[in-house]
Amino acid sequence: MMKRSALILVVTVFGSATGHAQTCSRDSLKAIAADYFKAVETHNMSALAASPNVRITENAVEIKPGEGLFKTGGKAVFQRTIVDREKCSTLTQAVVEEMRDSKPSRALIGVRLRSDGAKVSEIETIIAREGNFAFNPQGVIGTADQDWETLMPEGKRLTREQMNRQANMYYDMMEDPRNDPGFATPCRRWENGTYTTPNGDCYWRGATMKHPPRRLPVTDVEMGVAATIHNFRDDWLDVHLFKFDANGKISLIQSVDGPGTKGTGWPLDK
């Protein structure tokens, strides 16, 4: 008998680039993300308006529509969403039930969606399961009291460029500690659900390491959050969310770290 398991997801919804400014509302973008979760729960992609040529990858491997998580996924029991109105995009971190290998289990997942007009044309999933780095999806559920909903007052908002620069600096810091991303005191970080900053210090204190270029698919200027997708240490698939405080400092970090791969399966501009 198949049993239920749970997954943690990060979902990204992208609007197509045109010669005109995007006119997406936060509510409409969140509705698209909700349709994605409905499609996963019901195992029916018709719940999500998808292009006939939609491209889907899981852990950098291309799959056909209806396969993968659309077969094994279930109800989302936890969600948090950031919105990029300029790019018509969202990114949602969630805990989702899953039927897998006839055993109850949990996984951390990052999912990126791109919408061309009213149709989703790209679905990218990054999935971490038992045995992957710092695996502890229950730890994400334990952060439900964090405020990822309140928008930053307009006078306190950083620009997209400022937040993306500081998010990129996070990885540069690991190569050269003189690079300062600008952390709040305290700064708290969860990696695959594991709390890794008990002293409230997000600065890197370990051995130096290099990282390949990062993708910056979603930046929520209104809430003050930047997201990156890349291969951590040019090894495992990785999604990071960097939340800024009213002083322009990084105060919260959430990451989803998938299995080891070379490349993400998508170009840097996705």
C-alpha atoms as a PDB file:
ATOM      1  CA  MET A   1       0.000   0.000   0.000  1.00  0.00           C
ATOM      2  CA  MET A   2       1.335   3.408  -0.989  1.00  0.00           C
ATOM      3  CA  LYS A   3       1.810   5.860   1.878  1.00  0.00           C
ATOM      4  CA  ARG A   4       1.997   9.614   2.054  1.00  0.00           C
ATOM      5  CA  SER A   5       5.225  11.533   2.386  1.00  0.00           C
ATOM      6  CA  ALA A   6       5.883  15.255   2.456  1.00  0.00           C
ATOM      7  CA  LEU A   7       8.065  17.658   0.526  1.00  0.00           C
ATOM      8  CA  ILE A   8       9.237  21.223   0.909  1.00  0.00           C
ATOM      9  CA  LEU A   9       8.989  23.223  -2.266  1.00  0.00           C
ATOM     10  CA  VAL A  10      10.072  26.489  -3.661  1.00  0.00           C
ATOM     11  CA  VAL A  11       7.855  27.511  -6.556  1.00  0.00           C
ATOM     12  CA  THR A  12       8.752  30.227  -9.017  1.00  0.00           C
ATOM     13  CA  VAL A  13       6.265  31.649 -11.509  1.00  0.00           C
ATOM     14  CA  PHE A  14       7.620  33.830 -14.310  1.00  0.00           C
ATOM     15  CA  GLY A  15       5.913  36.169 -16.710  1.00  0.00           C
ATOM     16  CA  SER A  16       7.193  36.392 -20.264  1.00  0.00           C
ATOM     17  CA  ALA A  17       9.454  39.279 -21.236  1.00  0.00           C
ATOM     18  CA  THR A  18       7.929  41.783 -23.620  1.00  0.00           C
ATOM     19  CA  GLY A  19       8.724  45.252 -24.805  1.00  0.00           C
ATOM     20  CA  HIS A  20       6.229  46.642 -22.289  1.00  0.00           C
ATOM     21  CA  ALA A  21       6.204  46.858 -18.514  1.00  0.00           C
ATOM     22  CA  GLN A  22       4.561  43.943 -16.734  1.00  0.00           C
ATOM     23  CA  THR A  23       1.219  44.596 -15.060  1.00  0.00           C
ATOM     24  CA  CYS A  24       0.944  41.632 -12.684  1.00  0.00           C
ATOM     25  CA  SER A  25      -0.690  42.000  -9.284  1.00  0.00           C
ATOM     26  CA  ARG A  26       0.467  40.132  -6.207  1.00  0.00           C
ATOM     27  CA  ASP A  27      -2.918  38.447  -5.885  1.00  0.00           C
ATOM     28  CA  SER A  28      -2.986  37.204  -9.476  1.00  0.00           C
ATOM     29  CA  LEU A  29       0.514  35.774  -9.210  1.00  0.00           C
ATOM     30  CA  LYS A  30      -0.284  34.021  -5.948  1.00  0.00           C
ATOM     31  CA  ALA A  31      -3.339  32.539  -7.669  1.00  0.00           C
ATOM     32  CA  ILE A  32      -1.078  31.005 -10.332  1.00  0.00           C
ATOM     33  CA  ALA A  33       1.084  29.437  -7.633  1.00  0.00           C
ATOM     34  CA  ALA A  34      -2.070  28.089  -5.952  1.00  0.00           C
ATOM     35  CA  ASP A  35      -3.100  26.471  -9.255  1.00  0.00           C
ATOM     36  CA  TYR A  36       0.273  24.743  -9.394  1.00  0.00           C
ATOM     37  CA  PHE A  37      -0.253  23.226  -5.949  1.00  0.00           C
ATOM     38  CA  LYS A  38      -3.752  22.157  -6.969  1.00  0.00           C
ATOM     39  CA  ALA A  39      -2.299  20.358  -9.994  1.00  0.00           C
ATOM     40  CA  VAL A  40       0.243  18.580  -7.774  1.00  0.00           C
ATOM     41  CA  GLU A  41      -2.361  17.568  -5.190  1.00  0.00           C
ATOM     42  CA  THR A  42      -4.871  16.265  -7.738  1.00  0.00           C
ATOM     43  CA  HIS A  43      -2.249  14.709 -10.049  1.00  0.00           C
ATOM     44  CA  ASN A  44      -3.995  16.604 -12.834  1.00  0.00           C
ATOM     45  CA  MET A  45      -2.075  19.218 -14.801  1.00  0.00           C
ATOM     46  CA  SER A  46      -5.314  20.621 -16.203  1.00  0.00           C
ATOM     47  CA  ALA A  47      -5.616  22.531 -12.913  1.00  0.00           C
ATOM     48  CA  LEU A  48      -2.660  24.629 -14.117  1.00  0.00           C
ATOM     49  CA  ALA A  49      -2.881  26.610 -17.361  1.00  0.00           C
ATOM     50  CA  ALA A  50       0.212  25.230 -19.123  1.00  0.00           C
ATOM     51  CA  SER A  51       1.521  25.674 -22.646  1.00  0.00           C
ATOM     52  CA  PRO A  52       1.316  22.631 -24.967  1.00  0.00           C
ATOM     53  CA  ASN A  53       5.120  22.907 -25.224  1.00  0.00           C
ATOM     54  CA  VAL A  54       5.777  23.312 -21.508  1.00  0.00           C
ATOM     55  CA  ARG A  55       9.293  22.231 -20.518  1.00  0.00           C
ATOM     56  CA  ILE A  56       9.645  20.453 -17.162  1.00  0.00           C
ATOM     57  CA  THR A  57      12.820  19.429 -15.339  1.00  0.00           C
ATOM     58  CA  GLU A  58      13.408  17.689 -12.023  1.00  0.00           C
ATOM     59  CA  ASN A  59      16.933  17.883 -10.634  1.00  0.00           C
ATOM     60  CA  ALA A  60      18.202  19.128 -14.005  1.00  0.00           C
ATOM     61  CA  VAL A  61      16.702  16.188 -15.943  1.00  0.00           C
ATOM     62  CA  GLU A  62      13.911  16.865 -18.431  1.00  0.00           C
ATOM     63  CA  ILE A  63      10.668  14.959 -17.869  1.00  0.00           C
ATOM     64  CA  LYS A  64       7.310  14.780 -19.639  1.00  0.00           C
ATOM     65  CA  PRO A  65       4.174  16.641 -18.472  1.00  0.00           C
ATOM     66  CA  GLY A  66       2.338  14.743 -15.757  1.00  0.00           C
ATOM     67  CA  GLU A  67       5.406  12.837 -14.591  1.00  0.00           C
ATOM     68  CA  GLY A  68       7.505  13.317 -11.471  1.00  0.00           C
ATOM     69  CA  LEU A  69       5.884  15.352  -8.725  1.00  0.00           C
ATOM     70  CA  PHE A  70       2.607  15.514 -10.631  1.00  0.00           C
ATOM     71  CA  LYS A  71       2.359  11.759 -10.032  1.00  0.00           C
ATOM     72  CA  THR A  72       3.775  11.535  -6.513  1.00  0.00           C
ATOM     73  CA  GLY A  73       2.845  14.865  -4.931  1.00  0.00           C
ATOM     74  CA  GLY A  74      -0.034  15.627  -2.589  1.00  0.00           C
ATOM     75  CA  LYS A  75      -1.446  18.409  -0.443  1.00  0.00           C
ATOM     76  CA  ALA A  76       0.647  21.457   0.443  1.00  0.00           C
ATOM     77  CA  VAL A  77       0.686  21.696   4.242  1.00  0.00           C
ATOM     78  CA  PHE A  78       2.947  24.750   4.476  1.00  0.00           C
ATOM     79  CA  GLN A  79       3.645  27.636   2.078  1.00  0.00           C
ATOM     80  CA  ARG A  80       5.434  30.977   1.928  1.00  0.00           C
ATOM     81  CA  THR A  81       5.478  33.114  -1.205  1.00  0.00           C
ATOM     82  CA  ILE A  82       7.493  36.016  -2.556  1.00  0.00           C
ATOM     83  CA  VAL A  83       6.356  38.005  -5.598  1.00  0.00           C
ATOM     84  CA  ASP A  84       8.235  39.805  -8.363  1.00  0.00           C
ATOM     85  CA  ARG A  85       5.678  42.011 -10.069  1.00  0.00           C
ATOM     86  CA  GLU A  86       8.142  43.426 -12.580  1.00  0.00           C
ATOM     87  CA  LYS A  87       9.003  39.968 -13.894  1.00  0.00           C
ATOM     88  CA  CYS A  88       5.469  38.656 -13.292  1.00  0.00           C
ATOM     89  CA  SER A  89       6.985  35.981 -11.077  1.00  0.00           C
ATOM     90  CA  THR A  90       6.609  34.299  -7.706  1.00  0.00           C
ATOM     91  CA  LEU A  91       8.603  31.909  -5.568  1.00  0.00           C
ATOM     92  CA  THR A  92       6.897  29.717  -2.991  1.00  0.00           C
ATOM     93  CA  GLN A  93       8.506  27.580  -0.323  1.00  0.00           C
ATOM     94  CA  ALA A  94       6.152  24.854   0.838  1.00  0.00           C
ATOM     95  CA  VAL A  95       5.785  21.518   2.561  1.00  0.00           C
ATOM     96  CA  VAL A  96       3.854  19.105   0.360  1.00  0.00           C
ATOM     97  CA  GLU A  97       2.714  15.574   1.047  1.00  0.00           C
ATOM     98  CA  GLU A  98       4.005  12.931  -1.349  1.00  0.00           C
ATOM     99  CA  MET A  99       3.463   9.265  -2.111  1.00  0.00           C
ATOM    100  CA  ARG A 100       6.903   7.786  -2.767  1.00  0.00           C
ATOM    101  CA  ASP A 101       8.486   4.335  -2.499  1.00  0.00           C
ATOM    102  CA  SER A 102       5.614   3.130  -0.306  1.00  0.00           C
ATOM    103  CA  LYS A 103       7.184   4.917   2.661  1.00  0.00           C
ATOM    104  CA  PRO A 104       6.366   8.159   4.490  1.00  0.00           C
ATOM    105  CA  SER A 105       9.186  10.593   3.813  1.00  0.00           C
ATOM    106  CA  ARG A 106       9.913  14.282   3.386  1.00  0.00           C
ATOM    107  CA  ALA A 107      11.845  16.230   0.781  1.00  0.00           C
ATOM    108  CA  LEU A 108      12.876  19.831   0.232  1.00  0.00           C
ATOM    109  CA  ILE A 109      11.954  21.090  -3.220  1.00  0.00           C
ATOM    110  CA  GLY A 110      12.446  24.223  -5.290  1.00  0.00           C
ATOM    111  CA  VAL A 111      10.119  24.728  -8.261  1.00  0.00           C
ATOM    112  CA  ARG A 112      10.378  27.474 -10.857  1.00  0.00           C
ATOM    113  CA  LEU A 113       7.494  28.223 -13.239  1.00  0.00           C
ATOM    114  CA  ARG A 114       7.580  30.580 -16.221  1.00  0.00           C
ATOM    115  CA  SER A 115       4.381  31.940 -17.724  1.00  0.00           C
ATOM    116  CA  ASP A 116       4.165  33.215 -21.289  1.00  0.00           C
ATOM    117  CA  GLY A 117       1.009  35.288 -21.190  1.00  0.00           C
ATOM    118  CA  ALA A 118      -1.645  33.109 -19.558  1.00  0.00           C
ATOM    119  CA  LYS A 119       0.219  29.813 -20.039  1.00  0.00           C
ATOM    120  CA  VAL A 120       3.017  28.294 -17.978  1.00  0.00           C
ATOM    121  CA  SER A 121       5.840  27.333 -20.354  1.00  0.00           C
ATOM    122  CA  GLU A 122       8.599  26.224 -17.950  1.00  0.00           C
ATOM    123  CA  ILE A 123       8.543  24.155 -14.758  1.00  0.00           C
ATOM    124  CA  GLU A 124      11.870  23.562 -12.991  1.00  0.00           C
ATOM    125  CA  THR A 125      12.034  21.477  -9.831  1.00  0.00           C
ATOM    126  CA  ILE A 126      14.917  21.043  -7.387  1.00  0.00           C
ATOM    127  CA  ILE A 127      14.250  18.163  -4.991  1.00  0.00           C
ATOM    128  CA  ALA A 128      16.194  17.177  -1.855  1.00  0.00           C
ATOM    129  CA  ARG A 129      15.296  13.987  -0.029  1.00  0.00           C
ATOM    130  CA  GLU A 130      16.568  11.855   2.838  1.00  0.00           C
ATOM    131  CA  GLY A 131      20.362  11.738   2.761  1.00  0.00           C
ATOM    132  CA  ASN A 132      20.886  15.128   1.161  1.00  0.00           C
ATOM    133  CA  PHE A 133      22.766  17.945   2.886  1.00  0.00           C
ATOM    134  CA  ALA A 134      21.425  19.022   6.331  1.00  0.00           C
ATOM    135  CA  PHE A 135      18.087  17.382   5.527  1.00  0.00           C
ATOM    136  CA  ASN A 136      15.365  18.474   7.969  1.00  0.00           C
ATOM    137  CA  PRO A 137      12.114  19.633   6.314  1.00  0.00           C
ATOM    138  CA  GLN A 138      10.306  19.746   9.661  1.00  0.00           C
ATOM    139  CA  GLY A 139      12.631  22.612  10.501  1.00  0.00           C
ATOM    140  CA  VAL A 140      10.991  24.723   7.798  1.00  0.00           C
ATOM    141  CA  ILE A 141       7.550  24.081   9.274  1.00  0.00           C
ATOM    142  CA  GLY A 142       9.018  25.254  12.566  1.00  0.00           C
ATOM    143  CA  THR A 143       9.655  28.687  11.031  1.00  0.00           C
ATOM    144  CA  ALA A 144       5.956  29.334  10.345  1.00  0.00           C
ATOM    145  CA  ASP A 145       6.041  32.229  12.807  1.00  0.00           C
ATOM    146  CA  GLN A 146       8.433  34.190  10.569  1.00  0.00           C
ATOM    147  CA  ASP A 147       6.835  37.134   8.771  1.00  0.00           C
ATOM    148  CA  TRP A 148       7.135  36.633   5.023  1.00  0.00           C
ATOM    149  CA  GLU A 149       3.880  38.482   4.283  1.00  0.00           C
ATOM    150  CA  THR A 150       4.223  42.101   5.455  1.00  0.00           C
ATOM    151  CA  LEU A 151       5.419  44.453   2.723  1.00  0.00           C
ATOM    152  CA  MET A 152       8.298  46.829   3.399  1.00  0.00           C
ATOM    153  CA  PRO A 153       7.308  50.522   3.783  1.00  0.00           C
ATOM    154  CA  GLU A 154       8.048  52.278   0.500  1.00  0.00           C
ATOM    155  CA  GLY A 155      10.666  54.544   2.032  1.00  0.00           C
ATOM    156  CA  LYS A 156      12.582  51.537   3.373  1.00  0.00           C
ATOM    157  CA  ARG A 157      12.687  49.446   0.194  1.00  0.00           C
ATOM    158  CA  LEU A 158      15.974  48.575  -1.475  1.00  0.00           C
ATOM    159  CA  THR A 159      16.208  48.441  -5.249  1.00  0.00           C
ATOM    160  CA  ARG A 160      16.305  45.182  -7.147  1.00  0.00           C
ATOM    161  CA  GLU A 161      19.941  45.835  -7.988  1.00  0.00           C
ATOM    162  CA  GLN A 162      20.900  46.421  -4.344  1.00  0.00           C
ATOM    163  CA  MET A 163      19.302  43.219  -3.095  1.00  0.00           C
ATOM    164  CA  ASN A 164      20.663  41.113  -5.936  1.00  0.00           C
ATOM    165  CA  ARG A 165      24.153  42.503  -5.363  1.00  0.00           C
ATOM    166  CA  GLN A 166      24.035  41.619  -1.655  1.00  0.00           C
ATOM    167  CA  ALA A 167      22.637  38.148  -2.412  1.00  0.00           C
ATOM    168  CA  ASN A 168      25.487  37.542  -4.859  1.00  0.00           C
ATOM    169  CA  MET A 169      27.975  38.839  -2.293  1.00  0.00           C
ATOM    170  CA  TYR A 170      26.893  36.032   0.053  1.00  0.00           C
ATOM    171  CA  TYR A 171      28.638  33.518  -2.210  1.00  0.00           C
ATOM    172  CA  ASP A 172      31.591  35.821  -2.925  1.00  0.00           C
ATOM    173  CA  MET A 173      32.121  36.001   0.855  1.00  0.00           C
ATOM    174  CA  MET A 174      32.880  32.269   0.899  1.00  0.00           C
ATOM    175  CA  GLU A 175      35.691  32.801  -1.597  1.00  0.00           C
ATOM    176  CA  ASP A 176      37.036  35.955   0.064  1.00  0.00           C
ATOM    177  CA  PRO A 177      35.801  36.889   3.577  1.00  0.00           C
ATOM    178  CA  ARG A 178      36.510  40.554   2.846  1.00  0.00           C
ATOM    179  CA  ASN A 179      33.298  40.536   0.798  1.00  0.00           C
ATOM    180  CA  ASP A 180      30.543  41.681   3.152  1.00  0.00           C
ATOM    181  CA  PRO A 181      26.910  40.908   2.140  1.00  0.00           C
ATOM    182  CA  GLY A 182      25.593  43.116   4.942  1.00  0.00           C
ATOM    183  CA  PHE A 183      24.036  40.919   7.626  1.00  0.00           C
ATOM    184  CA  ALA A 184      21.701  42.049  10.369  1.00  0.00           C
ATOM    185  CA  THR A 185      22.406  41.308  14.026  1.00  0.00           C
ATOM    186  CA  PRO A 186      21.077  38.764  14.589  1.00  0.00           C
ATOM    187  CA  CYS A 187      20.961  37.024  11.204  1.00  0.00           C
ATOM    188  CA  ARG A 188      19.298  33.611  11.175  1.00  0.00           C
ATOM    189  CA  ARG A 189      19.734  30.898   8.525  1.00  0.00           C
ATOM    190  CA  TRP A 190      18.045  27.562   7.795  1.00  0.00           C
ATOM    191  CA  GLU A 191      19.693  25.201   5.289  1.00  0.00           C
ATOM    192  CA  ASN A 192      17.391  22.399   4.125  1.00  0.00           C
ATOM    193  CA  GLY A 193      15.423  23.103   7.292  1.00  0.00           C
ATOM    194  CA  THR A 194      18.434  22.824   9.626  1.00  0.00           C
ATOM    195  CA  TYR A 195      19.121  25.912  11.760  1.00  0.00           C
ATOM    196  CA  THR A 196      22.794  26.742  11.206  1.00  0.00           C
ATOM    197  CA  THR A 197      23.258  30.074  12.999  1.00  0.00           C
ATOM    198  CA  PRO A 198      22.655  29.472  16.734  1.00  0.00           C
ATOM    199  CA  ASN A 199      24.805  32.528  17.519  1.00  0.00           C
ATOM    200  CA  GLY A 200      22.843  34.769  15.167  1.00  0.00           C
ATOM    201  CA  ASP A 201      25.853  35.165  12.843  1.00  0.00           C
ATOM    202  CA  CYS A 202      25.472  34.455   9.102  1.00  0.00           C
ATOM    203  CA  TYR A 203      29.078  35.274   8.177  1.00  0.00           C
ATOM    204  CA  TRP A 204      31.000  32.376   6.656  1.00  0.00           C
ATOM    205  CA  ARG A 205      33.676  31.065   9.043  1.00  0.00           C
ATOM    206  CA  GLY A 206      34.690  27.892   7.220  1.00  0.00           C
ATOM    207  CA  ALA A 207      37.203  27.045   4.502  1.00  0.00           C
ATOM    208  CA  THR A 208      37.106  29.155   1.355  1.00  0.00           C
ATOM    209  CA  MET A 209      35.110  27.808  -1.583  1.00  0.00           C
ATOM    210  CA  LYS A 210      34.189  28.963  -5.067  1.00  0.00           C
ATOM    211  CA  HIS A 211      30.722  29.028  -6.602  1.00  0.00           C
ATOM    212  CA  PRO A 212      29.596  29.248 -10.218  1.00  0.00           C
ATOM    213  CA  PRO A 213      27.464  32.219 -11.353  1.00  0.00           C
ATOM    214  CA  ARG A 214      24.055  32.505  -9.719  1.00  0.00           C
ATOM    215  CA  ARG A 215      20.661  32.928 -11.324  1.00  0.00           C
ATOM    216  CA  LEU A 216      18.483  35.642  -9.744  1.00  0.00           C
ATOM    217  CA  PRO A 217      15.009  34.668 -10.950  1.00  0.00           C
ATOM    218  CA  VAL A 218      12.837  36.446  -8.362  1.00  0.00           C
ATOM    219  CA  THR A 219      13.376  39.654  -6.411  1.00  0.00           C
ATOM    220  CA  ASP A 220      10.471  40.859  -4.288  1.00  0.00           C
ATOM    221  CA  VAL A 221      11.184  44.578  -4.003  1.00  0.00           C
ATOM    222  CA  GLU A 222       7.958  45.185  -2.078  1.00  0.00           C
ATOM    223  CA  MET A 223       8.659  42.582   0.608  1.00  0.00           C
ATOM    224  CA  GLY A 224      12.455  42.881   0.544  1.00  0.00           C
ATOM    225  CA  VAL A 225      13.502  39.381  -0.548  1.00  0.00           C
ATOM    226  CA  ALA A 226      15.967  38.175  -3.214  1.00  0.00           C
ATOM    227  CA  ALA A 227      16.242  34.588  -4.462  1.00  0.00           C
ATOM    228  CA  THR A 228      19.127  32.740  -6.103  1.00  0.00           C
ATOM    229  CA  ILE A 229      19.310  29.390  -7.926  1.00  0.00           C
ATOM    230  CA  HIS A 230      22.639  27.754  -8.786  1.00  0.00           C
ATOM    231  CA  ASN A 231      24.967  24.839  -8.063  1.00  0.00           C
ATOM    232  CA  PHE A 232      26.443  25.295  -4.606  1.00  0.00           C
ATOM    233  CA  ARG A 233      30.219  24.794  -4.874  1.00  0.00           C
ATOM    234  CA  ASP A 234      29.498  23.716  -8.470  1.00  0.00           C
ATOM    235  CA  ASP A 235      28.069  20.568  -6.879  1.00  0.00           C
ATOM    236  CA  TRP A 236      24.489  20.321  -5.591  1.00  0.00           C
ATOM    237  CA  LEU A 237      21.410  22.190  -6.799  1.00  0.00           C
ATOM    238  CA  ASP A 238      20.592  25.085  -4.500  1.00  0.00           C
ATOM    239  CA  VAL A 239      17.864  27.691  -3.890  1.00  0.00           C
ATOM    240  CA  HIS A 240      18.414  30.528  -1.395  1.00  0.00           C
ATOM    241  CA  LEU A 241      15.954  33.147  -0.156  1.00  0.00           C
ATOM    242  CA  PHE A 242      17.474  36.280   1.413  1.00  0.00           C
ATOM    243  CA  LYS A 243      15.092  38.447   3.461  1.00  0.00           C
ATOM    244  CA  PHE A 244      16.142  42.023   4.198  1.00  0.00           C
ATOM    245  CA  ASP A 245      15.131  44.134   7.188  1.00  0.00           C
ATOM    246  CA  ALA A 246      14.124  47.808   7.241  1.00  0.00           C
ATOM    247  CA  ASN A 247      17.797  48.795   7.598  1.00  0.00           C
ATOM    248  CA  GLY A 248      18.784  47.085   4.350  1.00  0.00           C
ATOM    249  CA  LYS A 249      20.468  44.139   6.104  1.00  0.00           C
ATOM    250  CA  ILE A 250      19.966  40.416   5.451  1.00  0.00           C
ATOM    251  CA  SER A 251      18.121  39.117   8.509  1.00  0.00           C
ATOM    252  CA  LEU A 252      16.705  35.732   7.411  1.00  0.00           C
ATOM    253  CA  ILE A 253      17.998  33.089   4.997  1.00  0.00           C
ATOM    254  CA  GLN A 254      16.122  29.980   3.861  1.00  0.00           C
ATOM    255  CA  SER A 255      17.699  27.457   1.487  1.00  0.00           C
ATOM    256  CA  VAL A 256      16.737  24.276  -0.331  1.00  0.00           C
ATOM    257  CA  ASP A 257      19.744  22.119  -1.253  1.00  0.00           C
ATOM    258  CA  GLY A 258      19.116  19.297  -3.702  1.00  0.00           C
ATOM    259  CA  PRO A 259      21.294  16.416  -4.898  1.00  0.00           C
ATOM    260  CA  GLY A 260      24.632  16.731  -6.637  1.00  0.00           C
ATOM    261  CA  THR A 261      24.452  17.733 -10.289  1.00  0.00           C
ATOM    262  CA  LYS A 262      26.580  19.602 -12.788  1.00  0.00           C
ATOM    263  CA  GLY A 263      24.518  22.540 -13.944  1.00  0.00           C
ATOM    264  CA  THR A 264      20.889  23.364 -13.258  1.00  0.00           C
ATOM    265  CA  GLY A 265      19.538  22.420 -16.658  1.00  0.00           C
ATOM    266  CA  TRP A 266      18.653  26.051 -17.426  1.00  0.00           C
ATOM    267  CA  PRO A 267      20.565  29.078 -18.735  1.00  0.00           C
ATOM    268  CA  LEU A 268      21.616  31.898 -16.446  1.00  0.00           C
ATOM    269  CA  ASP A 269      18.852  34.244 -17.649  1.00  0.00           C
ATOM    270  CA  LYS A 270      16.063  31.887 -16.541  1.00  0.00           C
END
